[in-house]
């Protein structure tokens, strides 16, 4: 899955356990300008580095996986959690436009009946 938006917040890398580190990204998603949405993505392990060059205010495209899992508390009540785990980030805007490939000018392929030597 992917979504485009503006970076609202980028957290520092957190060492959750001895073997797990994560980093969070808050993306301002404006499908309806009157009611912007704020989506929280998490980067896990080596993907934390994907957010090193991301700054607040950048327009980006985030590629992510939707994850869900159940959790049962001490009283036996079951709750479900969802997470958006990012795996790729692309910068958009001026930087992306500058790297667009240039193309040659279109060739004039018009011809007159006199110089048309095709048999059909």
PDB file of N, CA and C in Angstrom:
ATOM      1  N   UNK A   1       0.851  -1.163   0.000  1.00  0.00           N
ATOM      2  CA  UNK A   1       0.000   0.000   0.000  1.00  0.00           C
ATOM      3  C   UNK A   1       0.897   1.227   0.000  1.00  0.00           C
ATOM      4  N   UNK A   2       0.337   2.335  -0.486  1.00  0.00           N
ATOM      5  CA  UNK A   2       1.097   3.581  -0.456  1.00  0.00           C
ATOM      6  C   UNK A   2       0.146   4.750  -0.242  1.00  0.00           C
ATOM      7  N   UNK A   3       0.729   5.835   0.280  1.00  0.00           N
ATOM      8  CA  UNK A   3      -0.026   7.052   0.533  1.00  0.00           C
ATOM      9  C   UNK A   3       0.939   8.235   0.408  1.00  0.00           C
ATOM     10  N   UNK A   4       0.405   9.373  -0.050  1.00  0.00           N
ATOM     11  CA  UNK A   4       1.197  10.594  -0.180  1.00  0.00           C
ATOM     12  C   UNK A   4       0.701  11.615   0.830  1.00  0.00           C
ATOM     13  N   UNK A   5       1.632  12.389   1.366  1.00  0.00           N
ATOM     14  CA  UNK A   5       1.262  13.410   2.326  1.00  0.00           C
ATOM     15  C   UNK A   5       2.450  14.254   2.717  1.00  0.00           C
ATOM     16  N   UNK A   6       2.249  15.075   3.745  1.00  0.00           N
ATOM     17  CA  UNK A   6       3.283  15.987   4.231  1.00  0.00           C
ATOM     18  C   UNK A   6       3.750  15.500   5.603  1.00  0.00           C
ATOM     19  N   UNK A   7       5.072  15.490   5.797  1.00  0.00           N
ATOM     20  CA  UNK A   7       5.631  15.047   7.071  1.00  0.00           C
ATOM     21  C   UNK A   7       5.238  16.040   8.154  1.00  0.00           C
ATOM     22  N   UNK A   8       4.599  15.525   9.192  1.00  0.00           N
ATOM     23  CA  UNK A   8       4.158  16.345  10.312  1.00  0.00           C
ATOM     24  C   UNK A   8       5.106  16.205  11.501  1.00  0.00           C
ATOM     25  N   UNK A   9       5.646  14.993  11.674  1.00  0.00           N
ATOM     26  CA  UNK A   9       6.558  14.729  12.792  1.00  0.00           C
ATOM     27  C   UNK A   9       7.386  13.490  12.495  1.00  0.00           C
ATOM     28  N   UNK A  10       8.654  13.500  12.938  1.00  0.00           N
ATOM     29  CA  UNK A  10       9.531  12.332  12.837  1.00  0.00           C
ATOM     30  C   UNK A  10      10.170  12.135  14.204  1.00  0.00           C
ATOM     31  N   UNK A  11      10.011  10.947  14.771  1.00  0.00           N
ATOM     32  CA  UNK A  11      10.573  10.701  16.100  1.00  0.00           C
ATOM     33  C   UNK A  11      12.014  10.211  15.987  1.00  0.00           C
ATOM     34  N   UNK A  12      12.695  10.258  17.105  1.00  0.00           N
ATOM     35  CA  UNK A  12      14.030   9.672  17.197  1.00  0.00           C
ATOM     36  C   UNK A  12      13.867   8.156  17.281  1.00  0.00           C
ATOM     37  N   UNK A  13      14.930   7.434  16.980  1.00  0.00           N
ATOM     38  CA  UNK A  13      14.893   5.981  17.079  1.00  0.00           C
ATOM     39  C   UNK A  13      14.803   5.571  18.550  1.00  0.00           C
ATOM     40  N   UNK A  14      13.888   4.657  18.847  1.00  0.00           N
ATOM     41  CA  UNK A  14      13.691   4.160  20.209  1.00  0.00           C
ATOM     42  C   UNK A  14      14.158   2.709  20.283  1.00  0.00           C
ATOM     43  N   UNK A  15      14.944   2.390  21.298  1.00  0.00           N
ATOM     44  CA  UNK A  15      15.348   1.009  21.534  1.00  0.00           C
ATOM     45  C   UNK A  15      14.292   0.394  22.451  1.00  0.00           C
ATOM     46  N   UNK A  16      13.319  -0.324  21.885  1.00  0.00           N
ATOM     47  CA  UNK A  16      12.182  -0.871  22.626  1.00  0.00           C
ATOM     48  C   UNK A  16      12.629  -2.016  23.531  1.00  0.00           C
ATOM     49  N   UNK A  17      13.361  -2.965  22.978  1.00  0.00           N
ATOM     50  CA  UNK A  17      13.967  -4.057  23.741  1.00  0.00           C
ATOM     51  C   UNK A  17      15.409  -4.167  23.269  1.00  0.00           C
ATOM     52  N   UNK A  18      16.131  -5.125  23.824  1.00  0.00           N
ATOM     53  CA  UNK A  18      17.527  -5.291  23.420  1.00  0.00           C
ATOM     54  C   UNK A  18      17.655  -5.616  21.933  1.00  0.00           C
ATOM     55  N   UNK A  19      16.645  -6.291  21.382  1.00  0.00           N
ATOM     56  CA  UNK A  19      16.721  -6.711  19.982  1.00  0.00           C
ATOM     57  C   UNK A  19      15.753  -5.971  19.057  1.00  0.00           C
ATOM     58  N   UNK A  20      14.994  -4.990  19.580  1.00  0.00           N
ATOM     59  CA  UNK A  20      14.008  -4.296  18.751  1.00  0.00           C
ATOM     60  C   UNK A  20      14.156  -2.789  18.870  1.00  0.00           C
ATOM     61  N   UNK A  21      14.291  -2.141  17.714  1.00  0.00           N
ATOM     62  CA  UNK A  21      14.274  -0.683  17.678  1.00  0.00           C
ATOM     63  C   UNK A  21      13.219  -0.239  16.686  1.00  0.00           C
ATOM     64  N   UNK A  22      12.635   0.935  16.942  1.00  0.00           N
ATOM     65  CA  UNK A  22      11.611   1.455  16.040  1.00  0.00           C
ATOM     66  C   UNK A  22      11.678   2.979  16.004  1.00  0.00           C
ATOM     67  N   UNK A  23      11.044   3.523  14.974  1.00  0.00           N
ATOM     68  CA  UNK A  23      10.982   4.969  14.767  1.00  0.00           C
ATOM     69  C   UNK A  23       9.623   5.273  14.170  1.00  0.00           C
ATOM     70  N   UNK A  24       9.020   6.385  14.587  1.00  0.00           N
ATOM     71  CA  UNK A  24       7.679   6.711  14.114  1.00  0.00           C
ATOM     72  C   UNK A  24       7.675   7.947  13.221  1.00  0.00           C
ATOM     73  N   UNK A  25       6.757   7.935  12.277  1.00  0.00           N
ATOM     74  CA  UNK A  25       6.549   9.027  11.337  1.00  0.00           C
ATOM     75  C   UNK A  25       5.075   9.385  11.377  1.00  0.00           C
ATOM     76  N   UNK A  26       4.768  10.667  11.561  1.00  0.00           N
ATOM     77  CA  UNK A  26       3.394  11.145  11.493  1.00  0.00           C
ATOM     78  C   UNK A  26       3.255  11.886  10.171  1.00  0.00           C
ATOM     79  N   UNK A  27       2.304  11.438   9.358  1.00  0.00           N
ATOM     80  CA  UNK A  27       2.082  12.004   8.029  1.00  0.00           C
ATOM     81  C   UNK A  27       0.738  12.714   8.012  1.00  0.00           C
ATOM     82  N   UNK A  28       0.753  13.957   7.551  1.00  0.00           N
ATOM     83  CA  UNK A  28      -0.495  14.701   7.384  1.00  0.00           C
ATOM     84  C   UNK A  28      -1.058  14.331   6.013  1.00  0.00           C
ATOM     85  N   UNK A  29      -2.211  13.672   6.038  1.00  0.00           N
ATOM     86  CA  UNK A  29      -2.865  13.177   4.830  1.00  0.00           C
ATOM     87  C   UNK A  29      -4.108  14.029   4.612  1.00  0.00           C
ATOM     88  N   UNK A  30      -4.159  14.716   3.459  1.00  0.00           N
ATOM     89  CA  UNK A  30      -5.256  15.655   3.220  1.00  0.00           C
ATOM     90  C   UNK A  30      -6.093  15.184   2.045  1.00  0.00           C
ATOM     91  N   UNK A  31      -7.008  14.285   2.336  1.00  0.00           N
ATOM     92  CA  UNK A  31      -7.977  13.873   1.325  1.00  0.00           C
ATOM     93  C   UNK A  31      -9.069  14.939   1.244  1.00  0.00           C
ATOM     94  N   UNK A  32      -9.482  15.450   2.397  1.00  0.00           N
ATOM     95  CA  UNK A  32     -10.452  16.540   2.498  1.00  0.00           C
ATOM     96  C   UNK A  32      -9.753  17.666   3.271  1.00  0.00           C
ATOM     97  N   UNK A  33      -9.425  18.798   2.607  1.00  0.00           N
ATOM     98  CA  UNK A  33      -8.674  19.874   3.274  1.00  0.00           C
ATOM     99  C   UNK A  33      -9.316  20.398   4.551  1.00  0.00           C
ATOM    100  N   UNK A  34     -10.618  20.274   4.680  1.00  0.00           N
ATOM    101  CA  UNK A  34     -11.287  20.758   5.880  1.00  0.00           C
ATOM    102  C   UNK A  34     -10.985  19.862   7.090  1.00  0.00           C
ATOM    103  N   UNK A  35     -10.703  18.574   6.834  1.00  0.00           N
ATOM    104  CA  UNK A  35     -10.457  17.614   7.907  1.00  0.00           C
ATOM    105  C   UNK A  35      -9.205  16.786   7.615  1.00  0.00           C
ATOM    106  N   UNK A  36      -8.011  17.346   7.825  1.00  0.00           N
ATOM    107  CA  UNK A  36      -6.793  16.552   7.571  1.00  0.00           C
ATOM    108  C   UNK A  36      -6.697  15.377   8.536  1.00  0.00           C
ATOM    109  N   UNK A  37      -6.106  14.309   8.072  1.00  0.00           N
ATOM    110  CA  UNK A  37      -5.884  13.108   8.873  1.00  0.00           C
ATOM    111  C   UNK A  37      -4.395  13.046   9.229  1.00  0.00           C
ATOM    112  N   UNK A  38      -4.087  12.505  10.385  1.00  0.00           N
ATOM    113  CA  UNK A  38      -2.705  12.337  10.832  1.00  0.00           C
ATOM    114  C   UNK A  38      -2.467  10.848  11.033  1.00  0.00           C
ATOM    115  N   UNK A  39      -1.653  10.271  10.138  1.00  0.00           N
ATOM    116  CA  UNK A  39      -1.418   8.832  10.127  1.00  0.00           C
ATOM    117  C   UNK A  39      -0.061   8.528  10.750  1.00  0.00           C
ATOM    118  N   UNK A  40      -0.031   7.543  11.653  1.00  0.00           N
ATOM    119  CA  UNK A  40       1.220   7.165  12.307  1.00  0.00           C
ATOM    120  C   UNK A  40       1.769   5.897  11.669  1.00  0.00           C
ATOM    121  N   UNK A  41       2.978   5.990  11.133  1.00  0.00           N
ATOM    122  CA  UNK A  41       3.687   4.854  10.561  1.00  0.00           C
ATOM    123  C   UNK A  41       4.843   4.512  11.474  1.00  0.00           C
ATOM    124  N   UNK A  42       5.240   3.254  11.468  1.00  0.00           N
ATOM    125  CA  UNK A  42       6.416   2.877  12.242  1.00  0.00           C
ATOM    126  C   UNK A  42       7.419   2.172  11.343  1.00  0.00           C
ATOM    127  N   UNK A  43       8.675   2.494  11.588  1.00  0.00           N
ATOM    128  CA  UNK A  43       9.784   1.840  10.910  1.00  0.00           C
ATOM    129  C   UNK A  43      10.450   0.940  11.945  1.00  0.00           C
ATOM    130  N   UNK A  44      10.701  -0.302  11.588  1.00  0.00           N
ATOM    131  CA  UNK A  44      11.251  -1.287  12.508  1.00  0.00           C
ATOM    132  C   UNK A  44      12.654  -1.688  12.051  1.00  0.00           C
ATOM    133  N   UNK A  45      13.533  -1.874  13.023  1.00  0.00           N
ATOM    134  CA  UNK A  45      14.891  -2.379  12.823  1.00  0.00           C
ATOM    135  C   UNK A  45      15.681  -1.519  11.816  1.00  0.00           C
ATOM    136  N   UNK A  46      16.223  -2.129  10.764  1.00  0.00           N
ATOM    137  CA  UNK A  46      17.073  -1.398   9.813  1.00  0.00           C
ATOM    138  C   UNK A  46      16.290  -0.384   8.980  1.00  0.00           C
ATOM    139  N   UNK A  47      14.975  -0.470   8.973  1.00  0.00           N
ATOM    140  CA  UNK A  47      14.168   0.500   8.215  1.00  0.00           C
ATOM    141  C   UNK A  47      14.070   1.847   8.930  1.00  0.00           C
ATOM    142  N   UNK A  48      14.541   1.921  10.176  1.00  0.00           N
ATOM    143  CA  UNK A  48      14.589   3.207  10.890  1.00  0.00           C
ATOM    144  C   UNK A  48      15.433   4.214  10.107  1.00  0.00           C
ATOM    145  N   UNK A  49      16.445   3.711   9.407  1.00  0.00           N
ATOM    146  CA  UNK A  49      17.331   4.577   8.625  1.00  0.00           C
ATOM    147  C   UNK A  49      16.621   5.260   7.461  1.00  0.00           C
ATOM    148  N   UNK A  50      15.483   4.741   7.024  1.00  0.00           N
ATOM    149  CA  UNK A  50      14.738   5.355   5.927  1.00  0.00           C
ATOM    150  C   UNK A  50      14.269   6.766   6.275  1.00  0.00           C
ATOM    151  N   UNK A  51      14.174   7.067   7.557  1.00  0.00           N
ATOM    152  CA  UNK A  51      13.676   8.381   7.993  1.00  0.00           C
ATOM    153  C   UNK A  51      14.784   9.368   8.312  1.00  0.00           C
ATOM    154  N   UNK A  52      16.045   8.992   8.078  1.00  0.00           N
ATOM    155  CA  UNK A  52      17.166   9.878   8.396  1.00  0.00           C
ATOM    156  C   UNK A  52      17.129  11.191   7.623  1.00  0.00           C
ATOM    157  N   UNK A  53      16.727  11.159   6.366  1.00  0.00           N
ATOM    158  CA  UNK A  53      16.732  12.366   5.525  1.00  0.00           C
ATOM    159  C   UNK A  53      15.355  13.010   5.390  1.00  0.00           C
ATOM    160  N   UNK A  54      14.378  12.529   6.139  1.00  0.00           N
ATOM    161  CA  UNK A  54      13.021  13.057   6.081  1.00  0.00           C
ATOM    162  C   UNK A  54      12.890  14.185   7.102  1.00  0.00           C
ATOM    163  N   UNK A  55      12.340  15.325   6.655  1.00  0.00           N
ATOM    164  CA  UNK A  55      12.197  16.490   7.529  1.00  0.00           C
ATOM    165  C   UNK A  55      10.740  16.940   7.577  1.00  0.00           C
ATOM    166  N   UNK A  56      10.377  17.571   8.687  1.00  0.00           N
ATOM    167  CA  UNK A  56       9.028  18.112   8.842  1.00  0.00           C
ATOM    168  C   UNK A  56       8.750  19.070   7.687  1.00  0.00           C
ATOM    169  N   UNK A  57       7.586  18.927   7.067  1.00  0.00           N
ATOM    170  CA  UNK A  57       7.193  19.770   5.942  1.00  0.00           C
ATOM    171  C   UNK A  57       7.466  19.156   4.582  1.00  0.00           C
ATOM    172  N   UNK A  58       8.271  18.087   4.518  1.00  0.00           N
ATOM    173  CA  UNK A  58       8.554  17.420   3.240  1.00  0.00           C
ATOM    174  C   UNK A  58       7.293  16.743   2.706  1.00  0.00           C
ATOM    175  N   UNK A  59       7.116  16.797   1.394  1.00  0.00           N
ATOM    176  CA  UNK A  59       6.064  16.025   0.736  1.00  0.00           C
ATOM    177  C   UNK A  59       6.679  14.689   0.351  1.00  0.00           C
ATOM    178  N   UNK A  60       6.065  13.604   0.814  1.00  0.00           N
ATOM    179  CA  UNK A  60       6.626  12.279   0.580  1.00  0.00           C
ATOM    180  C   UNK A  60       5.538  11.288   0.190  1.00  0.00           C
ATOM    181  N   UNK A  61       5.996  10.171  -0.319  1.00  0.00           N
ATOM    182  CA  UNK A  61       5.142   9.022  -0.588  1.00  0.00           C
ATOM    183  C   UNK A  61       5.672   7.884   0.273  1.00  0.00           C
ATOM    184  N   UNK A  62       4.791   7.258   1.041  1.00  0.00           N
ATOM    185  CA  UNK A  62       5.169   6.196   1.958  1.00  0.00           C
ATOM    186  C   UNK A  62       4.577   4.875   1.462  1.00  0.00           C
ATOM    187  N   UNK A  63       5.408   3.869   1.367  1.00  0.00           N
ATOM    188  CA  UNK A  63       4.968   2.515   1.033  1.00  0.00           C
ATOM    189  C   UNK A  63       4.983   1.718   2.333  1.00  0.00           C
ATOM    190  N   UNK A  64       3.900   0.995   2.609  1.00  0.00           N
ATOM    191  CA  UNK A  64       3.778   0.347   3.910  1.00  0.00           C
ATOM    192  C   UNK A  64       2.962  -0.930   3.830  1.00  0.00           C
ATOM    193  N   UNK A  65       3.094  -1.730   4.886  1.00  0.00           N
ATOM    194  CA  UNK A  65       2.281  -2.931   5.075  1.00  0.00           C
ATOM    195  C   UNK A  65       1.339  -2.675   6.239  1.00  0.00           C
ATOM    196  N   UNK A  66       0.123  -3.141   6.117  1.00  0.00           N
ATOM    197  CA  UNK A  66      -0.871  -3.045   7.182  1.00  0.00           C
ATOM    198  C   UNK A  66      -0.769  -4.312   8.016  1.00  0.00           C
ATOM    199  N   UNK A  67      -0.535  -4.150   9.319  1.00  0.00           N
ATOM    200  CA  UNK A  67      -0.398  -5.278  10.235  1.00  0.00           C
ATOM    201  C   UNK A  67      -1.469  -5.200  11.317  1.00  0.00           C
ATOM    202  N   UNK A  68      -1.946  -6.327  11.788  1.00  0.00           N
ATOM    203  CA  UNK A  68      -2.929  -6.376  12.864  1.00  0.00           C
ATOM    204  C   UNK A  68      -2.682  -7.582  13.747  1.00  0.00           C
ATOM    205  N   UNK A  69      -2.980  -7.431  15.048  1.00  0.00           N
ATOM    206  CA  UNK A  69      -2.775  -8.538  15.973  1.00  0.00           C
ATOM    207  C   UNK A  69      -3.705  -8.392  17.179  1.00  0.00           C
ATOM    208  N   UNK A  70      -4.113  -9.517  17.762  1.00  0.00           N
ATOM    209  CA  UNK A  70      -4.931  -9.459  18.977  1.00  0.00           C
ATOM    210  C   UNK A  70      -4.046  -9.409  20.224  1.00  0.00           C
ATOM    211  N   UNK A  71      -4.613  -8.906  21.314  1.00  0.00           N
ATOM    212  CA  UNK A  71      -3.942  -8.898  22.598  1.00  0.00           C
ATOM    213  C   UNK A  71      -4.993  -9.091  23.685  1.00  0.00           C
ATOM    214  N   UNK A  72      -4.713  -9.971  24.615  1.00  0.00           N
ATOM    215  CA  UNK A  72      -5.641 -10.247  25.711  1.00  0.00           C
ATOM    216  C   UNK A  72      -5.044  -9.717  27.010  1.00  0.00           C
ATOM    217  N   UNK A  73      -5.803  -8.854  27.710  1.00  0.00           N
ATOM    218  CA  UNK A  73      -5.289  -8.285  28.968  1.00  0.00           C
ATOM    219  C   UNK A  73      -5.481  -9.261  30.132  1.00  0.00           C
ATOM    220  N   UNK A  74      -5.100  -8.853  31.339  1.00  0.00           N
ATOM    221  CA  UNK A  74      -5.151  -9.726  32.519  1.00  0.00           C
ATOM    222  C   UNK A  74      -6.567 -10.154  32.891  1.00  0.00           C
ATOM    223  N   UNK A  75      -7.567  -9.368  32.500  1.00  0.00           N
ATOM    224  CA  UNK A  75      -8.957  -9.716  32.817  1.00  0.00           C
ATOM    225  C   UNK A  75      -9.588 -10.617  31.762  1.00  0.00           C
ATOM    226  N   UNK A  76      -8.854 -10.909  30.691  1.00  0.00           N
ATOM    227  CA  UNK A  76      -9.360 -11.761  29.628  1.00  0.00           C
ATOM    228  C   UNK A  76     -10.011 -11.009  28.482  1.00  0.00           C
ATOM    229  N   UNK A  77     -10.007  -9.685  28.568  1.00  0.00           N
ATOM    230  CA  UNK A  77     -10.596  -8.879  27.490  1.00  0.00           C
ATOM    231  C   UNK A  77      -9.641  -8.832  26.301  1.00  0.00           C
ATOM    232  N   UNK A  78     -10.176  -9.167  25.131  1.00  0.00           N
ATOM    233  CA  UNK A  78      -9.369  -9.184  23.910  1.00  0.00           C
ATOM    234  C   UNK A  78      -9.492  -7.840  23.188  1.00  0.00           C
ATOM    235  N   UNK A  79      -8.359  -7.305  22.777  1.00  0.00           N
ATOM    236  CA  UNK A  79      -8.287  -6.054  22.034  1.00  0.00           C
ATOM    237  C   UNK A  79      -7.466  -6.300  20.771  1.00  0.00           C
ATOM    238  N   UNK A  80      -7.755  -5.543  19.722  1.00  0.00           N
ATOM    239  CA  UNK A  80      -7.028  -5.686  18.456  1.00  0.00           C
ATOM    240  C   UNK A  80      -6.268  -4.403  18.160  1.00  0.00           C
ATOM    241  N   UNK A  81      -5.040  -4.564  17.668  1.00  0.00           N
ATOM    242  CA  UNK A  81      -4.181  -3.434  17.326  1.00  0.00           C
ATOM    243  C   UNK A  81      -3.821  -3.503  15.851  1.00  0.00           C
ATOM    244  N   UNK A  82      -3.766  -2.350  15.234  1.00  0.00           N
ATOM    245  CA  UNK A  82      -3.299  -2.229  13.850  1.00  0.00           C
ATOM    246  C   UNK A  82      -2.054  -1.372  13.832  1.00  0.00           C
ATOM    247  N   UNK A  83      -1.164  -1.655  12.891  1.00  0.00           N
ATOM    248  CA  UNK A  83       0.009  -0.803  12.711  1.00  0.00           C
ATOM    249  C   UNK A  83       0.307  -0.687  11.218  1.00  0.00           C
ATOM    250  N   UNK A  84       0.876   0.431  10.847  1.00  0.00           N
ATOM    251  CA  UNK A  84       1.289   0.706   9.474  1.00  0.00           C
ATOM    252  C   UNK A  84       2.811   0.675   9.465  1.00  0.00           C
ATOM    253  N   UNK A  85       3.396  -0.396   8.960  1.00  0.00           N
ATOM    254  CA  UNK A  85       4.847  -0.560   8.978  1.00  0.00           C
ATOM    255  C   UNK A  85       5.423  -0.162   7.628  1.00  0.00           C
ATOM    256  N   UNK A  86       6.166   0.951   7.628  1.00  0.00           N
ATOM    257  CA  UNK A  86       6.711   1.453   6.365  1.00  0.00           C
ATOM    258  C   UNK A  86       7.923   0.644   5.936  1.00  0.00           C
ATOM    259  N   UNK A  87       8.099   0.569   4.619  1.00  0.00           N
ATOM    260  CA  UNK A  87       9.242  -0.146   4.074  1.00  0.00           C
ATOM    261  C   UNK A  87       9.939   0.639   2.961  1.00  0.00           C
ATOM    262  N   UNK A  88       9.357   1.760   2.553  1.00  0.00           N
ATOM    263  CA  UNK A  88       9.989   2.593   1.523  1.00  0.00           C
ATOM    264  C   UNK A  88       9.420   3.994   1.628  1.00  0.00           C
ATOM    265  N   UNK A  89      10.289   5.011   1.411  1.00  0.00           N
ATOM    266  CA  UNK A  89       9.874   6.414   1.437  1.00  0.00           C
ATOM    267  C   UNK A  89      10.462   7.099   0.210  1.00  0.00           C
ATOM    268  N   UNK A  90       9.620   7.813  -0.541  1.00  0.00           N
ATOM    269  CA  UNK A  90      10.071   8.598  -1.701  1.00  0.00           C
ATOM    270  C   UNK A  90       9.766  10.064  -1.456  1.00  0.00           C
ATOM    271  N   UNK A  91      10.741  10.922  -1.723  1.00  0.00           N
ATOM    272  CA  UNK A  91      10.521  12.366  -1.642  1.00  0.00           C
ATOM    273  C   UNK A  91       9.760  12.804  -2.884  1.00  0.00           C
ATOM    274  N   UNK A  92       8.834  13.749  -2.707  1.00  0.00           N
ATOM    275  CA  UNK A  92       8.064  14.300  -3.824  1.00  0.00           C
ATOM    276  C   UNK A  92       8.373  15.792  -3.937  1.00  0.00           C
ATOM    277  N   UNK A  93       7.827  16.434  -4.948  1.00  0.00           N
ATOM    278  CA  UNK A  93       7.966  17.882  -5.067  1.00  0.00           C
ATOM    279  C   UNK A  93       9.119  18.286  -5.948  1.00  0.00           C
ATOM    280  N   UNK A  94       9.781  19.391  -5.583  1.00  0.00           N
ATOM    281  CA  UNK A  94      10.838  20.002  -6.410  1.00  0.00           C
ATOM    282  C   UNK A  94      11.982  19.037  -6.664  1.00  0.00           C
ATOM    283  N   UNK A  95      12.391  18.274  -5.656  1.00  0.00           N
ATOM    284  CA  UNK A  95      13.504  17.348  -5.845  1.00  0.00           C
ATOM    285  C   UNK A  95      13.139  16.265  -6.846  1.00  0.00           C
ATOM    286  N   UNK A  96      11.905  15.769  -6.776  1.00  0.00           N
ATOM    287  CA  UNK A  96      11.460  14.741  -7.703  1.00  0.00           C
ATOM    288  C   UNK A  96      11.336  15.260  -9.120  1.00  0.00           C
ATOM    289  N   UNK A  97      10.895  16.522  -9.271  1.00  0.00           N
ATOM    290  CA  UNK A  97      10.732  17.096 -10.601  1.00  0.00           C
ATOM    291  C   UNK A  97      12.087  17.322 -11.262  1.00  0.00           C
ATOM    292  N   UNK A  98      13.100  17.684 -10.485  1.00  0.00           N
ATOM    293  CA  UNK A  98      14.421  17.939 -11.044  1.00  0.00           C
ATOM    294  C   UNK A  98      15.051  16.660 -11.581  1.00  0.00           C
ATOM    295  N   UNK A  99      14.688  15.516 -11.006  1.00  0.00           N
ATOM    296  CA  UNK A  99      15.293  14.268 -11.443  1.00  0.00           C
ATOM    297  C   UNK A  99      14.494  13.586 -12.549  1.00  0.00           C
ATOM    298  N   UNK A 100      13.469  14.231 -13.060  1.00  0.00           N
ATOM    299  CA  UNK A 100      12.676  13.643 -14.143  1.00  0.00           C
ATOM    300  C   UNK A 100      13.525  13.565 -15.412  1.00  0.00           C
ATOM    301  N   UNK A 101      13.411  12.495 -16.159  1.00  0.00           N
ATOM    302  CA  UNK A 101      14.232  12.365 -17.368  1.00  0.00           C
ATOM    303  C   UNK A 101      13.824  13.379 -18.427  1.00  0.00           C
ATOM    304  N   UNK A 102      14.821  13.809 -19.186  1.00  0.00           N
ATOM    305  CA  UNK A 102      14.539  14.708 -20.297  1.00  0.00           C
ATOM    306  C   UNK A 102      14.357  13.869 -21.544  1.00  0.00           C
ATOM    307  N   UNK A 103      13.497  14.319 -22.431  1.00  0.00           N
ATOM    308  CA  UNK A 103      13.207  13.590 -23.655  1.00  0.00           C
ATOM    309  C   UNK A 103      13.564  14.449 -24.851  1.00  0.00           C
ATOM    310  N   UNK A 104      13.873  13.781 -25.958  1.00  0.00           N
ATOM    311  CA  UNK A 104      14.186  14.485 -27.198  1.00  0.00           C
ATOM    312  C   UNK A 104      12.914  15.124 -27.745  1.00  0.00           C
ATOM    313  N   UNK A 105      13.079  16.197 -28.512  1.00  0.00           N
ATOM    314  CA  UNK A 105      11.931  16.853 -29.134  1.00  0.00           C
ATOM    315  C   UNK A 105      11.262  15.880 -30.092  1.00  0.00           C
ATOM    316  N   UNK A 106       9.948  15.938 -30.235  1.00  0.00           N
ATOM    317  CA  UNK A 106       9.269  15.012 -31.132  1.00  0.00           C
ATOM    318  C   UNK A 106       9.675  15.247 -32.585  1.00  0.00           C
ATOM    319  N   UNK A 107       9.793  14.154 -33.336  1.00  0.00           N
ATOM    320  CA  UNK A 107      10.151  14.234 -34.752  1.00  0.00           C
ATOM    321  C   UNK A 107       8.906  14.544 -35.570  1.00  0.00           C
ATOM    322  N   UNK A 108       9.087  15.263 -36.681  1.00  0.00           N
ATOM    323  CA  UNK A 108       7.983  15.560 -37.582  1.00  0.00           C
ATOM    324  C   UNK A 108       7.815  14.363 -38.508  1.00  0.00           C
ATOM    325  N   UNK A 109       6.740  13.620 -38.339  1.00  0.00           N
ATOM    326  CA  UNK A 109       6.534  12.417 -39.150  1.00  0.00           C
ATOM    327  C   UNK A 109       5.473  12.629 -40.216  1.00  0.00           C
ATOM    328  N   UNK A 110       5.061  13.886 -40.374  1.00  0.00           N
ATOM    329  CA  UNK A 110       4.067  14.146 -41.422  1.00  0.00           C
ATOM    330  C   UNK A 110       4.742  14.000 -42.784  1.00  0.00           C
ATOM    331  N   UNK A 111       3.984  13.563 -43.757  1.00  0.00           N
ATOM    332  CA  UNK A 111       4.532  13.402 -45.099  1.00  0.00           C
ATOM    333  C   UNK A 111       3.494  13.849 -46.113  1.00  0.00           C
ATOM    334  N   UNK A 112       3.974  14.192 -47.284  1.00  0.00           N
ATOM    335  CA  UNK A 112       3.073  14.556 -48.367  1.00  0.00           C
ATOM    336  C   UNK A 112       2.894  13.335 -49.255  1.00  0.00           C
ATOM    337  N   UNK A 113       1.807  13.284 -50.034  1.00  0.00           N
ATOM    338  CA  UNK A 113       1.583  12.112 -50.889  1.00  0.00           C
ATOM    339  C   UNK A 113       2.726  11.868 -51.871  1.00  0.00           C
ATOM    340  N   UNK A 114       3.489  12.899 -52.251  1.00  0.00           N
ATOM    341  CA  UNK A 114       4.559  12.726 -53.247  1.00  0.00           C
ATOM    342  C   UNK A 114       5.728  11.930 -52.694  1.00  0.00           C
ATOM    343  N   UNK A 115       6.049  12.084 -51.406  1.00  0.00           N
ATOM    344  CA  UNK A 115       7.213  11.366 -50.882  1.00  0.00           C
ATOM    345  C   UNK A 115       6.807  10.124 -50.087  1.00  0.00           C
ATOM    346  N   UNK A 116       5.581   9.662 -50.237  1.00  0.00           N
ATOM    347  CA  UNK A 116       5.133   8.449 -49.564  1.00  0.00           C
ATOM    348  C   UNK A 116       5.372   7.273 -50.484  1.00  0.00           C
ATOM    349  N   UNK A 117       6.396   6.439 -50.163  1.00  0.00           N
ATOM    350  CA  UNK A 117       6.710   5.309 -51.021  1.00  0.00           C
ATOM    351  C   UNK A 117       6.282   3.970 -50.413  1.00  0.00           C
ATOM    352  N   UNK A 118       5.422   4.012 -49.414  1.00  0.00           N
ATOM    353  CA  UNK A 118       4.968   2.765 -48.797  1.00  0.00           C
ATOM    354  C   UNK A 118       3.872   2.136 -49.678  1.00  0.00           C
ATOM    355  N   UNK A 119       3.839   0.828 -49.828  1.00  0.00           N
ATOM    356  CA  UNK A 119       2.889   0.180 -50.709  1.00  0.00           C
ATOM    357  C   UNK A 119       1.473   0.107 -50.138  1.00  0.00           C
ATOM    358  N   UNK A 120       1.238   0.536 -48.939  1.00  0.00           N
ATOM    359  CA  UNK A 120      -0.111   0.437 -48.386  1.00  0.00           C
ATOM    360  C   UNK A 120      -0.580   1.754 -47.838  1.00  0.00           C
TER     361      UNK A 120
END
